[in-house]
């Protein structure tokens, strides 16, 4: 059996390969949905433990950045606050 017979083409598209790609994406999307729900539950746990969730989110965001980027953003934040008289 040739490769052509193993992977029928429809309109120049390898149907089996396309189906495989789509099914893998669908599985990952489902996993991502489950992970998003898990993360939501952990934020709810943080809130019930008395933590300020927006601050927790800000810390998580900051941990993904370089220290120099964090410093620059905090400096701008302070400048903007002072400009607004806060």
PDB file of N, CA and C in Angstrom:
ATOM      1  N   UNK A   1       0.852  -1.179   0.000  1.00  0.00           N
ATOM      2  CA  UNK A   1       0.000   0.000   0.000  1.00  0.00           C
ATOM      3  C   UNK A   1       0.898   1.243   0.000  1.00  0.00           C
ATOM      4  N   UNK A   2       0.652   2.174  -0.872  1.00  0.00           N
ATOM      5  CA  UNK A   2       1.463   3.383  -0.960  1.00  0.00           C
ATOM      6  C   UNK A   2       1.004   4.401   0.074  1.00  0.00           C
ATOM      7  N   UNK A   3       1.837   5.433   0.288  1.00  0.00           N
ATOM      8  CA  UNK A   3       1.470   6.499   1.223  1.00  0.00           C
ATOM      9  C   UNK A   3       0.180   7.182   0.795  1.00  0.00           C
ATOM     10  N   UNK A   4      -0.022   7.278  -0.504  1.00  0.00           N
ATOM     11  CA  UNK A   4      -1.218   7.933  -1.012  1.00  0.00           C
ATOM     12  C   UNK A   4      -2.463   7.175  -0.570  1.00  0.00           C
ATOM     13  N   UNK A   5      -2.413   5.840  -0.583  1.00  0.00           N
ATOM     14  CA  UNK A   5      -3.566   5.046  -0.196  1.00  0.00           C
ATOM     15  C   UNK A   5      -3.808   5.124   1.309  1.00  0.00           C
ATOM     16  N   UNK A   6      -2.744   5.270   2.104  1.00  0.00           N
ATOM     17  CA  UNK A   6      -2.880   5.365   3.555  1.00  0.00           C
ATOM     18  C   UNK A   6      -3.492   6.693   3.971  1.00  0.00           C
ATOM     19  N   UNK A   7      -3.172   7.745   3.253  1.00  0.00           N
ATOM     20  CA  UNK A   7      -3.648   9.083   3.574  1.00  0.00           C
ATOM     21  C   UNK A   7      -4.405   9.636   2.374  1.00  0.00           C
ATOM     22  N   UNK A   8      -5.718   9.356   2.318  1.00  0.00           N
ATOM     23  CA  UNK A   8      -6.480   9.866   1.177  1.00  0.00           C
ATOM     24  C   UNK A   8      -6.491  11.388   1.169  1.00  0.00           C
ATOM     25  N   UNK A   9      -6.441  11.930  -0.010  1.00  0.00           N
ATOM     26  CA  UNK A   9      -6.475  13.386  -0.146  1.00  0.00           C
ATOM     27  C   UNK A   9      -7.814  13.804  -0.721  1.00  0.00           C
ATOM     28  N   UNK A  10      -8.329  14.867  -0.164  1.00  0.00           N
ATOM     29  CA  UNK A  10      -9.579  15.439  -0.646  1.00  0.00           C
ATOM     30  C   UNK A  10      -9.278  16.878  -0.995  1.00  0.00           C
ATOM     31  N   UNK A  11      -9.383  17.192  -2.251  1.00  0.00           N
ATOM     32  CA  UNK A  11      -9.090  18.556  -2.687  1.00  0.00           C
ATOM     33  C   UNK A  11      -7.653  18.939  -2.409  1.00  0.00           C
ATOM     34  N   UNK A  12      -6.739  17.969  -2.465  1.00  0.00           N
ATOM     35  CA  UNK A  12      -5.321  18.248  -2.226  1.00  0.00           C
ATOM     36  C   UNK A  12      -4.947  18.283  -0.754  1.00  0.00           C
ATOM     37  N   UNK A  13      -5.883  17.907   0.143  1.00  0.00           N
ATOM     38  CA  UNK A  13      -5.629  17.938   1.584  1.00  0.00           C
ATOM     39  C   UNK A  13      -5.551  16.507   2.103  1.00  0.00           C
ATOM     40  N   UNK A  14      -4.507  16.197   2.862  1.00  0.00           N
ATOM     41  CA  UNK A  14      -4.375  14.886   3.483  1.00  0.00           C
ATOM     42  C   UNK A  14      -5.354  14.815   4.653  1.00  0.00           C
ATOM     43  N   UNK A  15      -6.466  14.151   4.440  1.00  0.00           N
ATOM     44  CA  UNK A  15      -7.567  14.154   5.413  1.00  0.00           C
ATOM     45  C   UNK A  15      -7.160  13.573   6.758  1.00  0.00           C
ATOM     46  N   UNK A  16      -6.426  12.470   6.776  1.00  0.00           N
ATOM     47  CA  UNK A  16      -6.025  11.855   8.048  1.00  0.00           C
ATOM     48  C   UNK A  16      -5.122  12.782   8.847  1.00  0.00           C
ATOM     49  N   UNK A  17      -4.203  13.419   8.157  1.00  0.00           N
ATOM     50  CA  UNK A  17      -3.277  14.337   8.841  1.00  0.00           C
ATOM     51  C   UNK A  17      -4.041  15.520   9.413  1.00  0.00           C
ATOM     52  N   UNK A  18      -4.958  16.071   8.634  1.00  0.00           N
ATOM     53  CA  UNK A  18      -5.774  17.204   9.088  1.00  0.00           C
ATOM     54  C   UNK A  18      -6.617  16.804  10.296  1.00  0.00           C
ATOM     55  N   UNK A  19      -7.245  15.626  10.230  1.00  0.00           N
ATOM     56  CA  UNK A  19      -8.059  15.140  11.344  1.00  0.00           C
ATOM     57  C   UNK A  19      -7.208  15.003  12.603  1.00  0.00           C
ATOM     58  N   UNK A  20      -6.005  14.458  12.462  1.00  0.00           N
ATOM     59  CA  UNK A  20      -5.094  14.293  13.597  1.00  0.00           C
ATOM     60  C   UNK A  20      -4.736  15.636  14.227  1.00  0.00           C
ATOM     61  N   UNK A  21      -4.425  16.599  13.402  1.00  0.00           N
ATOM     62  CA  UNK A  21      -4.068  17.938  13.899  1.00  0.00           C
ATOM     63  C   UNK A  21      -5.244  18.565  14.640  1.00  0.00           C
ATOM     64  N   UNK A  22      -6.424  18.484  14.049  1.00  0.00           N
ATOM     65  CA  UNK A  22      -7.607  19.081  14.666  1.00  0.00           C
ATOM     66  C   UNK A  22      -7.930  18.400  15.993  1.00  0.00           C
ATOM     67  N   UNK A  23      -7.848  17.074  16.029  1.00  0.00           N
ATOM     68  CA  UNK A  23      -8.142  16.354  17.266  1.00  0.00           C
ATOM     69  C   UNK A  23      -7.136  16.676  18.361  1.00  0.00           C
ATOM     70  N   UNK A  24      -5.867  16.843  18.009  1.00  0.00           N
ATOM     71  CA  UNK A  24      -4.861  17.223  19.006  1.00  0.00           C
ATOM     72  C   UNK A  24      -5.148  18.604  19.565  1.00  0.00           C
ATOM     73  N   UNK A  25      -5.512  19.532  18.692  1.00  0.00           N
ATOM     74  CA  UNK A  25      -5.853  20.895  19.145  1.00  0.00           C
ATOM     75  C   UNK A  25      -7.062  20.849  20.057  1.00  0.00           C
ATOM     76  N   UNK A  26      -8.065  20.056  19.682  1.00  0.00           N
ATOM     77  CA  UNK A  26      -9.265  19.955  20.515  1.00  0.00           C
ATOM     78  C   UNK A  26      -8.940  19.391  21.899  1.00  0.00           C
ATOM     79  N   UNK A  27      -8.076  18.382  21.963  1.00  0.00           N
ATOM     80  CA  UNK A  27      -7.693  17.820  23.266  1.00  0.00           C
ATOM     81  C   UNK A  27      -6.974  18.869  24.115  1.00  0.00           C
ATOM     82  N   UNK A  28      -6.068  19.615  23.487  1.00  0.00           N
ATOM     83  CA  UNK A  28      -5.332  20.645  24.230  1.00  0.00           C
ATOM     84  C   UNK A  28      -6.262  21.766  24.691  1.00  0.00           C
ATOM     85  N   UNK A  29      -7.225  22.143  23.846  1.00  0.00           N
ATOM     86  CA  UNK A  29      -8.206  23.161  24.242  1.00  0.00           C
ATOM     87  C   UNK A  29      -8.986  22.687  25.467  1.00  0.00           C
ATOM     88  N   UNK A  30      -9.357  21.408  25.483  1.00  0.00           N
ATOM     89  CA  UNK A  30     -10.093  20.855  26.623  1.00  0.00           C
ATOM     90  C   UNK A  30      -9.220  20.862  27.878  1.00  0.00           C
ATOM     91  N   UNK A  31      -7.931  20.519  27.713  1.00  0.00           N
ATOM     92  CA  UNK A  31      -7.007  20.565  28.852  1.00  0.00           C
ATOM     93  C   UNK A  31      -6.860  21.990  29.363  1.00  0.00           C
ATOM     94  N   UNK A  32      -6.757  22.943  28.428  1.00  0.00           N
ATOM     95  CA  UNK A  32      -6.616  24.347  28.824  1.00  0.00           C
ATOM     96  C   UNK A  32      -7.843  24.810  29.609  1.00  0.00           C
ATOM     97  N   UNK A  33      -9.029  24.369  29.173  1.00  0.00           N
ATOM     98  CA  UNK A  33     -10.257  24.725  29.878  1.00  0.00           C
ATOM     99  C   UNK A  33     -10.218  24.177  31.304  1.00  0.00           C
ATOM    100  N   UNK A  34      -9.768  22.937  31.448  1.00  0.00           N
ATOM    101  CA  UNK A  34      -9.657  22.340  32.776  1.00  0.00           C
ATOM    102  C   UNK A  34      -8.656  23.078  33.642  1.00  0.00           C
ATOM    103  N   UNK A  35      -7.526  23.462  33.047  1.00  0.00           N
ATOM    104  CA  UNK A  35      -6.516  24.212  33.801  1.00  0.00           C
ATOM    105  C   UNK A  35      -7.050  25.578  34.218  1.00  0.00           C
ATOM    106  N   UNK A  36      -7.788  26.227  33.324  1.00  0.00           N
ATOM    107  CA  UNK A  36      -8.361  27.537  33.657  1.00  0.00           C
ATOM    108  C   UNK A  36      -9.309  27.411  34.845  1.00  0.00           C
ATOM    109  N   UNK A  37     -10.076  26.332  34.871  1.00  0.00           N
ATOM    110  CA  UNK A  37     -10.982  26.112  36.008  1.00  0.00           C
ATOM    111  C   UNK A  37     -10.194  25.858  37.282  1.00  0.00           C
ATOM    112  N   UNK A  38      -9.101  25.110  37.184  1.00  0.00           N
ATOM    113  CA  UNK A  38      -8.257  24.859  38.350  1.00  0.00           C
ATOM    114  C   UNK A  38      -7.665  26.161  38.888  1.00  0.00           C
ATOM    115  N   UNK A  39      -7.206  27.023  37.989  1.00  0.00           N
ATOM    116  CA  UNK A  39      -6.627  28.305  38.394  1.00  0.00           C
ATOM    117  C   UNK A  39      -7.700  29.171  39.068  1.00  0.00           C
ATOM    118  N   UNK A  40      -8.905  29.174  38.508  1.00  0.00           N
ATOM    119  CA  UNK A  40     -10.018  29.926  39.101  1.00  0.00           C
ATOM    120  C   UNK A  40     -10.277  29.452  40.524  1.00  0.00           C
ATOM    121  N   UNK A  41     -10.242  28.132  40.716  1.00  0.00           N
ATOM    122  CA  UNK A  41     -10.453  27.567  42.054  1.00  0.00           C
ATOM    123  C   UNK A  41      -9.362  28.006  43.028  1.00  0.00           C
ATOM    124  N   UNK A  42      -8.127  28.085  42.557  1.00  0.00           N
ATOM    125  CA  UNK A  42      -7.024  28.488  43.428  1.00  0.00           C
ATOM    126  C   UNK A  42      -7.155  29.966  43.808  1.00  0.00           C
ATOM    127  N   UNK A  43      -7.592  30.800  42.867  1.00  0.00           N
ATOM    128  CA  UNK A  43      -7.833  32.210  43.203  1.00  0.00           C
ATOM    129  C   UNK A  43      -8.951  32.322  44.247  1.00  0.00           C
ATOM    130  N   UNK A  44      -9.975  31.496  44.108  1.00  0.00           N
ATOM    131  CA  UNK A  44     -11.058  31.504  45.098  1.00  0.00           C
ATOM    132  C   UNK A  44     -10.530  31.074  46.463  1.00  0.00           C
ATOM    133  N   UNK A  45      -9.638  30.098  46.467  1.00  0.00           N
ATOM    134  CA  UNK A  45      -9.009  29.656  47.714  1.00  0.00           C
ATOM    135  C   UNK A  45      -8.191  30.785  48.334  1.00  0.00           C
ATOM    136  N   UNK A  46      -7.444  31.504  47.482  1.00  0.00           N
ATOM    137  CA  UNK A  46      -6.646  32.628  47.976  1.00  0.00           C
ATOM    138  C   UNK A  46      -7.549  33.685  48.598  1.00  0.00           C
ATOM    139  N   UNK A  47      -8.666  33.978  47.924  1.00  0.00           N
ATOM    140  CA  UNK A  47      -9.607  34.980  48.437  1.00  0.00           C
ATOM    141  C   UNK A  47     -10.188  34.535  49.771  1.00  0.00           C
ATOM    142  N   UNK A  48     -10.573  33.268  49.874  1.00  0.00           N
ATOM    143  CA  UNK A  48     -11.170  32.789  51.125  1.00  0.00           C
ATOM    144  C   UNK A  48     -10.142  32.733  52.257  1.00  0.00           C
ATOM    145  N   UNK A  49      -8.849  32.691  51.888  1.00  0.00           N
ATOM    146  CA  UNK A  49      -7.794  32.705  52.905  1.00  0.00           C
ATOM    147  C   UNK A  49      -7.430  34.132  53.303  1.00  0.00           C
ATOM    148  N   UNK A  50      -8.132  35.119  52.704  1.00  0.00           N
ATOM    149  CA  UNK A  50      -7.918  36.506  53.084  1.00  0.00           C
ATOM    150  C   UNK A  50      -6.919  37.269  52.221  1.00  0.00           C
ATOM    151  N   UNK A  51      -6.443  36.652  51.128  1.00  0.00           N
ATOM    152  CA  UNK A  51      -5.500  37.353  50.251  1.00  0.00           C
ATOM    153  C   UNK A  51      -6.259  38.220  49.264  1.00  0.00           C
ATOM    154  N   UNK A  52      -5.644  39.342  48.888  1.00  0.00           N
ATOM    155  CA  UNK A  52      -6.218  40.261  47.914  1.00  0.00           C
ATOM    156  C   UNK A  52      -5.888  39.715  46.518  1.00  0.00           C
ATOM    157  N   UNK A  53      -6.895  39.194  45.820  1.00  0.00           N
ATOM    158  CA  UNK A  53      -6.680  38.508  44.546  1.00  0.00           C
ATOM    159  C   UNK A  53      -6.058  39.415  43.479  1.00  0.00           C
ATOM    160  N   UNK A  54      -6.488  40.680  43.323  1.00  0.00           N
ATOM    161  CA  UNK A  54      -5.816  41.521  42.333  1.00  0.00           C
ATOM    162  C   UNK A  54      -4.311  41.682  42.616  1.00  0.00           C
ATOM    163  N   UNK A  55      -3.946  41.747  43.888  1.00  0.00           N
ATOM    164  CA  UNK A  55      -2.524  41.854  44.231  1.00  0.00           C
ATOM    165  C   UNK A  55      -1.808  40.545  43.896  1.00  0.00           C
ATOM    166  N   UNK A  56      -2.455  39.422  44.171  1.00  0.00           N
ATOM    167  CA  UNK A  56      -1.867  38.127  43.822  1.00  0.00           C
ATOM    168  C   UNK A  56      -1.656  38.050  42.309  1.00  0.00           C
ATOM    169  N   UNK A  57      -2.644  38.488  41.536  1.00  0.00           N
ATOM    170  CA  UNK A  57      -2.511  38.490  40.068  1.00  0.00           C
ATOM    171  C   UNK A  57      -1.359  39.392  39.629  1.00  0.00           C
ATOM    172  N   UNK A  58      -1.226  40.541  40.277  1.00  0.00           N
ATOM    173  CA  UNK A  58      -0.148  41.475  39.927  1.00  0.00           C
ATOM    174  C   UNK A  58       1.222  40.855  40.226  1.00  0.00           C
ATOM    175  N   UNK A  59       1.321  40.137  41.340  1.00  0.00           N
ATOM    176  CA  UNK A  59       2.580  39.480  41.684  1.00  0.00           C
ATOM    177  C   UNK A  59       2.910  38.396  40.667  1.00  0.00           C
ATOM    178  N   UNK A  60       1.918  37.615  40.280  1.00  0.00           N
ATOM    179  CA  UNK A  60       2.142  36.558  39.291  1.00  0.00           C
ATOM    180  C   UNK A  60       2.606  37.164  37.976  1.00  0.00           C
ATOM    181  N   UNK A  61       1.995  38.256  37.580  1.00  0.00           N
ATOM    182  CA  UNK A  61       2.404  38.949  36.358  1.00  0.00           C
ATOM    183  C   UNK A  61       3.834  39.460  36.466  1.00  0.00           C
ATOM    184  N   UNK A  62       4.171  40.036  37.622  1.00  0.00           N
ATOM    185  CA  UNK A  62       5.513  40.598  37.824  1.00  0.00           C
ATOM    186  C   UNK A  62       6.583  39.512  37.800  1.00  0.00           C
ATOM    187  N   UNK A  63       6.254  38.332  38.316  1.00  0.00           N
ATOM    188  CA  UNK A  63       7.237  37.246  38.362  1.00  0.00           C
ATOM    189  C   UNK A  63       7.621  36.756  36.970  1.00  0.00           C
ATOM    190  N   UNK A  64       6.813  37.085  35.964  1.00  0.00           N
ATOM    191  CA  UNK A  64       7.097  36.691  34.582  1.00  0.00           C
ATOM    192  C   UNK A  64       8.012  37.688  33.877  1.00  0.00           C
ATOM    193  N   UNK A  65       8.259  38.831  34.518  1.00  0.00           N
ATOM    194  CA  UNK A  65       9.004  39.908  33.879  1.00  0.00           C
ATOM    195  C   UNK A  65      10.421  40.003  34.427  1.00  0.00           C
ATOM    196  N   UNK A  66      11.245  40.688  33.669  1.00  0.00           N
ATOM    197  CA  UNK A  66      12.611  40.985  34.103  1.00  0.00           C
ATOM    198  C   UNK A  66      12.556  42.073  35.179  1.00  0.00           C
ATOM    199  N   UNK A  67      13.476  42.026  36.144  1.00  0.00           N
ATOM    200  CA  UNK A  67      13.487  43.054  37.200  1.00  0.00           C
ATOM    201  C   UNK A  67      13.531  44.482  36.658  1.00  0.00           C
ATOM    202  N   UNK A  68      14.273  44.712  35.585  1.00  0.00           N
ATOM    203  CA  UNK A  68      14.352  46.068  35.032  1.00  0.00           C
ATOM    204  C   UNK A  68      13.008  46.518  34.474  1.00  0.00           C
ATOM    205  N   UNK A  69      12.270  45.604  33.890  1.00  0.00           N
ATOM    206  CA  UNK A  69      10.950  45.939  33.358  1.00  0.00           C
ATOM    207  C   UNK A  69       9.988  46.279  34.494  1.00  0.00           C
ATOM    208  N   UNK A  70      10.069  45.524  35.578  1.00  0.00           N
ATOM    209  CA  UNK A  70       9.225  45.779  36.749  1.00  0.00           C
ATOM    210  C   UNK A  70       9.543  47.154  37.326  1.00  0.00           C
ATOM    211  N   UNK A  71      10.823  47.444  37.480  1.00  0.00           N
ATOM    212  CA  UNK A  71      11.245  48.725  38.038  1.00  0.00           C
ATOM    213  C   UNK A  71      10.754  49.884  37.176  1.00  0.00           C
ATOM    214  N   UNK A  72      10.875  49.748  35.862  1.00  0.00           N
ATOM    215  CA  UNK A  72      10.428  50.800  34.952  1.00  0.00           C
ATOM    216  C   UNK A  72       8.925  51.032  35.087  1.00  0.00           C
ATOM    217  N   UNK A  73       8.145  49.942  35.146  1.00  0.00           N
ATOM    218  CA  UNK A  73       6.694  50.078  35.265  1.00  0.00           C
ATOM    219  C   UNK A  73       6.291  50.694  36.598  1.00  0.00           C
ATOM    220  N   UNK A  74       6.963  50.303  37.666  1.00  0.00           N
ATOM    221  CA  UNK A  74       6.632  50.863  38.975  1.00  0.00           C
ATOM    222  C   UNK A  74       7.004  52.338  39.051  1.00  0.00           C
ATOM    223  N   UNK A  75       8.119  52.707  38.414  1.00  0.00           N
ATOM    224  CA  UNK A  75       8.514  54.113  38.377  1.00  0.00           C
ATOM    225  C   UNK A  75       7.465  54.933  37.638  1.00  0.00           C
ATOM    226  N   UNK A  76       7.028  54.431  36.476  1.00  0.00           N
ATOM    227  CA  UNK A  76       5.993  55.132  35.715  1.00  0.00           C
ATOM    228  C   UNK A  76       4.683  55.198  36.496  1.00  0.00           C
ATOM    229  N   UNK A  77       4.346  54.117  37.180  1.00  0.00           N
ATOM    230  CA  UNK A  77       3.131  54.096  37.992  1.00  0.00           C
ATOM    231  C   UNK A  77       3.184  55.202  39.044  1.00  0.00           C
ATOM    232  N   UNK A  78       4.327  55.335  39.726  1.00  0.00           N
ATOM    233  CA  UNK A  78       4.484  56.377  40.743  1.00  0.00           C
ATOM    234  C   UNK A  78       4.413  57.769  40.136  1.00  0.00           C
ATOM    235  N   UNK A  79       5.047  57.951  38.987  1.00  0.00           N
ATOM    236  CA  UNK A  79       5.013  59.255  38.308  1.00  0.00           C
ATOM    237  C   UNK A  79       3.581  59.611  37.937  1.00  0.00           C
ATOM    238  N   UNK A  80       2.850  58.668  37.364  1.00  0.00           N
ATOM    239  CA  UNK A  80       1.469  58.920  36.964  1.00  0.00           C
ATOM    240  C   UNK A  80       0.603  59.229  38.180  1.00  0.00           C
ATOM    241  N   UNK A  81       0.794  58.493  39.273  1.00  0.00           N
ATOM    242  CA  UNK A  81       0.021  58.750  40.491  1.00  0.00           C
ATOM    243  C   UNK A  81       0.285  60.158  40.990  1.00  0.00           C
ATOM    244  N   UNK A  82       1.561  60.555  41.044  1.00  0.00           N
ATOM    245  CA  UNK A  82       1.880  61.901  41.522  1.00  0.00           C
ATOM    246  C   UNK A  82       1.316  62.962  40.604  1.00  0.00           C
ATOM    247  N   UNK A  83       1.353  62.705  39.298  1.00  0.00           N
ATOM    248  CA  UNK A  83       0.790  63.666  38.333  1.00  0.00           C
ATOM    249  C   UNK A  83      -0.702  63.854  38.567  1.00  0.00           C
ATOM    250  N   UNK A  84      -1.363  62.839  39.081  1.00  0.00           N
ATOM    251  CA  UNK A  84      -2.796  62.930  39.346  1.00  0.00           C
ATOM    252  C   UNK A  84      -3.100  63.342  40.787  1.00  0.00           C
ATOM    253  N   UNK A  85      -2.028  63.639  41.543  1.00  0.00           N
ATOM    254  CA  UNK A  85      -2.219  64.084  42.911  1.00  0.00           C
ATOM    255  C   UNK A  85      -2.657  62.971  43.861  1.00  0.00           C
ATOM    256  N   UNK A  86      -2.264  61.776  43.574  1.00  0.00           N
ATOM    257  CA  UNK A  86      -2.682  60.629  44.410  1.00  0.00           C
ATOM    258  C   UNK A  86      -1.613  60.336  45.458  1.00  0.00           C
TER     259      UNK A  86
END
